[in-house]
């Protein structure tokens, strides 16, 4: 069993910055099963779409929840939701990514009017809603589901999908975290 001091040290190591960082501050929110790493305390309201990371009290293990799981649900229904989270080093698979994309888009891949597919690359999957239009183009909805966390990121329309796939590390800083509609 770990205490809050140890949880704070783990969170600092994971985030690579102290809780009082001037640009991206964070807090620990205590709840019975551990501490939620809250990176949105400086924003108004419950910020759906935040990457939910929990330091578990019993083991000190980190559990990461996809961005579609609102933080209030993690805090109030942790035991029920624990299966939706991933532990450190866990990589989601294509089936889970497909489920996340379906939840986000609200339609199947084979939708007759607006089909989509997942394009896998090293860091995850890009949701390709433009494949039926032909070649890569600027102006697409560049949304990525990350393999390491299930987090959904939306890239500015000025960045072509092939650049997102080929130069992910260089462009990931331009993306915003997205939350699909609540279930």
C-alpha atoms as a PDB file:
ATOM      1  CA  UNK A   1       0.000   0.000   0.000  1.00  0.00           C
ATOM      2  CA  UNK A   2       1.353   3.444  -0.904  1.00  0.00           C
ATOM      3  CA  UNK A   3       0.646   6.873   0.548  1.00  0.00           C
ATOM      4  CA  UNK A   4      -0.026  10.210  -1.149  1.00  0.00           C
ATOM      5  CA  UNK A   5       3.629  11.250  -1.014  1.00  0.00           C
ATOM      6  CA  UNK A   6       4.642   8.138  -2.967  1.00  0.00           C
ATOM      7  CA  UNK A   7       1.710   8.612  -5.385  1.00  0.00           C
ATOM      8  CA  UNK A   8       2.871  12.192  -6.041  1.00  0.00           C
ATOM      9  CA  UNK A   9       6.422  10.944  -6.761  1.00  0.00           C
ATOM     10  CA  UNK A  10       5.060   8.343  -9.203  1.00  0.00           C
ATOM     11  CA  UNK A  11       2.888  10.954 -10.940  1.00  0.00           C
ATOM     12  CA  UNK A  12       5.817  13.371 -11.202  1.00  0.00           C
ATOM     13  CA  UNK A  13       7.949  10.662 -12.817  1.00  0.00           C
ATOM     14  CA  UNK A  14       5.199   9.707 -15.272  1.00  0.00           C
ATOM     15  CA  UNK A  15       4.331  13.266 -16.283  1.00  0.00           C
ATOM     16  CA  UNK A  16       7.909  14.474 -16.297  1.00  0.00           C
ATOM     17  CA  UNK A  17       7.034  17.690 -14.486  1.00  0.00           C
ATOM     18  CA  UNK A  18       6.166  18.855 -10.959  1.00  0.00           C
ATOM     19  CA  UNK A  19       2.593  19.520  -9.872  1.00  0.00           C
ATOM     20  CA  UNK A  20       3.245  23.254  -9.710  1.00  0.00           C
ATOM     21  CA  UNK A  21       4.526  23.475 -13.296  1.00  0.00           C
ATOM     22  CA  UNK A  22       3.712  26.961 -14.609  1.00  0.00           C
ATOM     23  CA  UNK A  23       2.396  25.839 -17.994  1.00  0.00           C
ATOM     24  CA  UNK A  24       0.741  22.497 -17.162  1.00  0.00           C
ATOM     25  CA  UNK A  25      -0.007  22.194 -13.428  1.00  0.00           C
ATOM     26  CA  UNK A  26      -1.650  19.070 -12.045  1.00  0.00           C
ATOM     27  CA  UNK A  27      -3.204  17.765  -8.820  1.00  0.00           C
ATOM     28  CA  UNK A  28      -3.884  14.421  -7.227  1.00  0.00           C
ATOM     29  CA  UNK A  29      -7.521  13.750  -6.434  1.00  0.00           C
ATOM     30  CA  UNK A  30      -7.821  11.155  -3.671  1.00  0.00           C
ATOM     31  CA  UNK A  31     -10.545   8.519  -3.817  1.00  0.00           C
ATOM     32  CA  UNK A  32     -10.857   5.125  -2.073  1.00  0.00           C
ATOM     33  CA  UNK A  33      -8.880   3.127  -4.668  1.00  0.00           C
ATOM     34  CA  UNK A  34      -6.076   5.631  -5.231  1.00  0.00           C
ATOM     35  CA  UNK A  35      -5.341   9.030  -6.733  1.00  0.00           C
ATOM     36  CA  UNK A  36      -6.500  10.440 -10.048  1.00  0.00           C
ATOM     37  CA  UNK A  37      -3.849  12.563 -11.741  1.00  0.00           C
ATOM     38  CA  UNK A  38      -5.831  15.683 -12.616  1.00  0.00           C
ATOM     39  CA  UNK A  39      -4.153  17.710 -15.343  1.00  0.00           C
ATOM     40  CA  UNK A  40      -7.230  19.884 -15.902  1.00  0.00           C
ATOM     41  CA  UNK A  41      -7.743  21.557 -12.515  1.00  0.00           C
ATOM     42  CA  UNK A  42      -6.837  24.914 -14.045  1.00  0.00           C
ATOM     43  CA  UNK A  43      -9.686  24.543 -16.590  1.00  0.00           C
ATOM     44  CA  UNK A  44     -13.374  25.201 -15.812  1.00  0.00           C
ATOM     45  CA  UNK A  45     -15.734  22.254 -15.137  1.00  0.00           C
ATOM     46  CA  UNK A  46     -15.246  18.496 -15.567  1.00  0.00           C
ATOM     47  CA  UNK A  47     -13.044  18.281 -18.606  1.00  0.00           C
ATOM     48  CA  UNK A  48     -14.187  15.250 -20.562  1.00  0.00           C
ATOM     49  CA  UNK A  49     -11.441  14.078 -22.847  1.00  0.00           C
ATOM     50  CA  UNK A  50      -8.641  14.330 -20.349  1.00  0.00           C
ATOM     51  CA  UNK A  51      -6.383  11.320 -20.207  1.00  0.00           C
ATOM     52  CA  UNK A  52      -7.476   9.594 -16.994  1.00  0.00           C
ATOM     53  CA  UNK A  53      -4.434   8.280 -15.165  1.00  0.00           C
ATOM     54  CA  UNK A  54      -4.794   6.699 -11.742  1.00  0.00           C
ATOM     55  CA  UNK A  55      -2.106   5.729  -9.246  1.00  0.00           C
ATOM     56  CA  UNK A  56      -3.602   2.699  -7.494  1.00  0.00           C
ATOM     57  CA  UNK A  57      -3.330   2.740  -3.707  1.00  0.00           C
ATOM     58  CA  UNK A  58      -2.759  -0.998  -3.232  1.00  0.00           C
ATOM     59  CA  UNK A  59       0.123  -1.423  -5.685  1.00  0.00           C
ATOM     60  CA  UNK A  60       1.302   1.967  -6.949  1.00  0.00           C
ATOM     61  CA  UNK A  61       0.488   0.716 -10.439  1.00  0.00           C
ATOM     62  CA  UNK A  62      -0.676   3.272 -13.013  1.00  0.00           C
ATOM     63  CA  UNK A  63      -3.972   2.589 -14.759  1.00  0.00           C
ATOM     64  CA  UNK A  64      -4.726   4.684 -17.833  1.00  0.00           C
ATOM     65  CA  UNK A  65      -8.286   5.229 -19.039  1.00  0.00           C
ATOM     66  CA  UNK A  66      -9.294   6.179 -22.599  1.00  0.00           C
ATOM     67  CA  UNK A  67     -10.350   9.784 -23.107  1.00  0.00           C
ATOM     68  CA  UNK A  68     -13.995   8.787 -23.563  1.00  0.00           C
ATOM     69  CA  UNK A  69     -14.232   7.878 -19.853  1.00  0.00           C
ATOM     70  CA  UNK A  70     -15.069  11.104 -17.945  1.00  0.00           C
ATOM     71  CA  UNK A  71     -13.068  11.717 -14.789  1.00  0.00           C
ATOM     72  CA  UNK A  72     -16.166  11.801 -12.580  1.00  0.00           C
ATOM     73  CA  UNK A  73     -16.938   8.199 -13.632  1.00  0.00           C
ATOM     74  CA  UNK A  74     -13.424   7.093 -12.705  1.00  0.00           C
ATOM     75  CA  UNK A  75     -13.819   8.642  -9.253  1.00  0.00           C
ATOM     76  CA  UNK A  76     -17.298   7.245  -8.578  1.00  0.00           C
ATOM     77  CA  UNK A  77     -17.273   3.871 -10.389  1.00  0.00           C
ATOM     78  CA  UNK A  78     -13.641   2.788 -10.347  1.00  0.00           C
ATOM     79  CA  UNK A  79     -14.227  -0.893  -9.591  1.00  0.00           C
ATOM     80  CA  UNK A  80     -16.692  -1.165 -12.460  1.00  0.00           C
ATOM     81  CA  UNK A  81     -14.514   0.783 -14.888  1.00  0.00           C
ATOM     82  CA  UNK A  82     -11.138  -0.747 -14.041  1.00  0.00           C
ATOM     83  CA  UNK A  83     -11.551  -3.173 -16.946  1.00  0.00           C
ATOM     84  CA  UNK A  84     -11.714  -0.254 -19.391  1.00  0.00           C
ATOM     85  CA  UNK A  85      -8.347   1.036 -18.214  1.00  0.00           C
ATOM     86  CA  UNK A  86      -4.918  -0.165 -19.223  1.00  0.00           C
ATOM     87  CA  UNK A  87      -1.931  -0.643 -17.000  1.00  0.00           C
ATOM     88  CA  UNK A  88       1.513   0.730 -17.778  1.00  0.00           C
ATOM     89  CA  UNK A  89       3.001  -0.780 -20.883  1.00  0.00           C
ATOM     90  CA  UNK A  90      -0.321  -2.108 -22.126  1.00  0.00           C
ATOM     91  CA  UNK A  91      -0.975  -1.523 -25.775  1.00  0.00           C
ATOM     92  CA  UNK A  92      -4.535  -1.529 -27.052  1.00  0.00           C
ATOM     93  CA  UNK A  93      -5.340  -3.671 -30.046  1.00  0.00           C
ATOM     94  CA  UNK A  94      -7.186  -2.965 -33.292  1.00  0.00           C
ATOM     95  CA  UNK A  95     -10.499  -4.297 -31.942  1.00  0.00           C
ATOM     96  CA  UNK A  96     -10.428  -1.905 -28.987  1.00  0.00           C
ATOM     97  CA  UNK A  97      -9.409   0.969 -31.297  1.00  0.00           C
ATOM     98  CA  UNK A  98     -12.327   0.098 -33.587  1.00  0.00           C
ATOM     99  CA  UNK A  99     -14.700   0.203 -30.590  1.00  0.00           C
ATOM    100  CA  UNK A 100     -13.339   3.600 -29.556  1.00  0.00           C
ATOM    101  CA  UNK A 101     -13.752   4.926 -33.135  1.00  0.00           C
ATOM    102  CA  UNK A 102     -17.306   3.575 -33.362  1.00  0.00           C
ATOM    103  CA  UNK A 103     -18.163   5.251 -30.036  1.00  0.00           C
ATOM    104  CA  UNK A 104     -16.658   8.524 -31.233  1.00  0.00           C
ATOM    105  CA  UNK A 105     -18.265   8.559 -34.687  1.00  0.00           C
ATOM    106  CA  UNK A 106     -21.588   6.933 -33.825  1.00  0.00           C
ATOM    107  CA  UNK A 107     -21.669   4.884 -37.022  1.00  0.00           C
ATOM    108  CA  UNK A 108     -20.195   1.613 -38.323  1.00  0.00           C
ATOM    109  CA  UNK A 109     -17.214   1.413 -40.649  1.00  0.00           C
ATOM    110  CA  UNK A 110     -19.495   0.261 -43.424  1.00  0.00           C
ATOM    111  CA  UNK A 111     -21.897   3.205 -43.187  1.00  0.00           C
ATOM    112  CA  UNK A 112     -23.175   3.695 -46.768  1.00  0.00           C
ATOM    113  CA  UNK A 113     -22.995   7.500 -46.636  1.00  0.00           C
ATOM    114  CA  UNK A 114     -19.892   8.066 -44.518  1.00  0.00           C
ATOM    115  CA  UNK A 115     -17.640   4.998 -44.342  1.00  0.00           C
ATOM    116  CA  UNK A 116     -14.430   5.061 -42.347  1.00  0.00           C
ATOM    117  CA  UNK A 117     -11.483   2.818 -41.602  1.00  0.00           C
ATOM    118  CA  UNK A 118      -8.550   2.690 -39.220  1.00  0.00           C
ATOM    119  CA  UNK A 119      -5.073   3.216 -40.666  1.00  0.00           C
ATOM    120  CA  UNK A 120      -2.553   1.648 -38.318  1.00  0.00           C
ATOM    121  CA  UNK A 121       0.838   3.216 -37.769  1.00  0.00           C
ATOM    122  CA  UNK A 122       3.518   2.952 -35.073  1.00  0.00           C
ATOM    123  CA  UNK A 123       1.809   5.169 -32.470  1.00  0.00           C
ATOM    124  CA  UNK A 124      -1.785   4.100 -33.078  1.00  0.00           C
ATOM    125  CA  UNK A 125      -4.562   4.377 -35.595  1.00  0.00           C
ATOM    126  CA  UNK A 126      -5.743   7.347 -37.591  1.00  0.00           C
ATOM    127  CA  UNK A 127      -9.474   7.386 -38.223  1.00  0.00           C
ATOM    128  CA  UNK A 128      -9.657   7.706 -42.004  1.00  0.00           C
ATOM    129  CA  UNK A 129     -13.022   9.107 -43.024  1.00  0.00           C
ATOM    130  CA  UNK A 130     -11.675  10.168 -46.403  1.00  0.00           C
ATOM    131  CA  UNK A 131     -10.411   6.894 -47.859  1.00  0.00           C
ATOM    132  CA  UNK A 132     -13.346   6.746 -50.228  1.00  0.00           C
ATOM    133  CA  UNK A 133     -12.246  10.137 -51.658  1.00  0.00           C
ATOM    134  CA  UNK A 134      -8.855   8.957 -52.868  1.00  0.00           C
ATOM    135  CA  UNK A 135      -5.413  10.293 -51.974  1.00  0.00           C
ATOM    136  CA  UNK A 136      -4.378  11.995 -48.765  1.00  0.00           C
ATOM    137  CA  UNK A 137      -5.357  15.643 -48.579  1.00  0.00           C
ATOM    138  CA  UNK A 138      -5.180  18.620 -46.264  1.00  0.00           C
ATOM    139  CA  UNK A 139      -8.455  19.380 -44.512  1.00  0.00           C
ATOM    140  CA  UNK A 140      -9.185  15.872 -43.314  1.00  0.00           C
ATOM    141  CA  UNK A 141     -10.299  15.271 -39.752  1.00  0.00           C
ATOM    142  CA  UNK A 142      -6.999  14.046 -38.362  1.00  0.00           C
ATOM    143  CA  UNK A 143      -8.071  12.007 -35.363  1.00  0.00           C
ATOM    144  CA  UNK A 144      -5.721   9.480 -33.827  1.00  0.00           C
ATOM    145  CA  UNK A 145      -6.348   6.728 -31.274  1.00  0.00           C
ATOM    146  CA  UNK A 146      -3.074   6.156 -29.447  1.00  0.00           C
ATOM    147  CA  UNK A 147      -1.962   2.554 -28.889  1.00  0.00           C
ATOM    148  CA  UNK A 148      -0.408   3.252 -25.524  1.00  0.00           C
ATOM    149  CA  UNK A 149      -3.496   4.732 -23.889  1.00  0.00           C
ATOM    150  CA  UNK A 150      -6.591   4.744 -26.082  1.00  0.00           C
ATOM    151  CA  UNK A 151      -6.483   8.536 -25.899  1.00  0.00           C
ATOM    152  CA  UNK A 152      -8.100  10.292 -28.859  1.00  0.00           C
ATOM    153  CA  UNK A 153      -6.273  13.258 -30.360  1.00  0.00           C
ATOM    154  CA  UNK A 154      -7.534  15.679 -32.995  1.00  0.00           C
ATOM    155  CA  UNK A 155      -5.007  17.376 -35.242  1.00  0.00           C
ATOM    156  CA  UNK A 156      -5.516  20.717 -37.004  1.00  0.00           C
ATOM    157  CA  UNK A 157      -6.951  20.361 -40.504  1.00  0.00           C
ATOM    158  CA  UNK A 158      -3.849  21.987 -42.025  1.00  0.00           C
ATOM    159  CA  UNK A 159      -1.797  18.864 -41.177  1.00  0.00           C
ATOM    160  CA  UNK A 160      -2.260  16.112 -43.791  1.00  0.00           C
ATOM    161  CA  UNK A 161      -2.893  12.608 -42.524  1.00  0.00           C
ATOM    162  CA  UNK A 162       0.296  11.295 -44.136  1.00  0.00           C
ATOM    163  CA  UNK A 163       2.306  13.826 -42.104  1.00  0.00           C
ATOM    164  CA  UNK A 164       0.547  12.760 -38.898  1.00  0.00           C
ATOM    165  CA  UNK A 165       1.466   9.160 -39.658  1.00  0.00           C
ATOM    166  CA  UNK A 166       5.006   9.841 -40.875  1.00  0.00           C
ATOM    167  CA  UNK A 167       6.040  12.622 -38.478  1.00  0.00           C
ATOM    168  CA  UNK A 168       3.894  11.920 -35.415  1.00  0.00           C
ATOM    169  CA  UNK A 169       6.424  13.019 -32.811  1.00  0.00           C
ATOM    170  CA  UNK A 170       6.942  16.324 -34.633  1.00  0.00           C
ATOM    171  CA  UNK A 171       3.219  17.177 -34.894  1.00  0.00           C
ATOM    172  CA  UNK A 172       1.646  15.611 -31.781  1.00  0.00           C
ATOM    173  CA  UNK A 173       2.111  18.884 -29.898  1.00  0.00           C
ATOM    174  CA  UNK A 174      -0.430  20.540 -32.206  1.00  0.00           C
ATOM    175  CA  UNK A 175      -3.193  18.067 -31.321  1.00  0.00           C
ATOM    176  CA  UNK A 176      -5.995  18.468 -28.811  1.00  0.00           C
ATOM    177  CA  UNK A 177      -7.480  15.671 -26.701  1.00  0.00           C
ATOM    178  CA  UNK A 178     -10.986  14.708 -27.851  1.00  0.00           C
ATOM    179  CA  UNK A 179     -13.822  13.130 -25.920  1.00  0.00           C
ATOM    180  CA  UNK A 180     -16.521  11.216 -27.770  1.00  0.00           C
ATOM    181  CA  UNK A 181     -20.132  11.629 -26.650  1.00  0.00           C
ATOM    182  CA  UNK A 182     -20.764  10.190 -23.204  1.00  0.00           C
ATOM    183  CA  UNK A 183     -22.246   6.744 -23.212  1.00  0.00           C
END
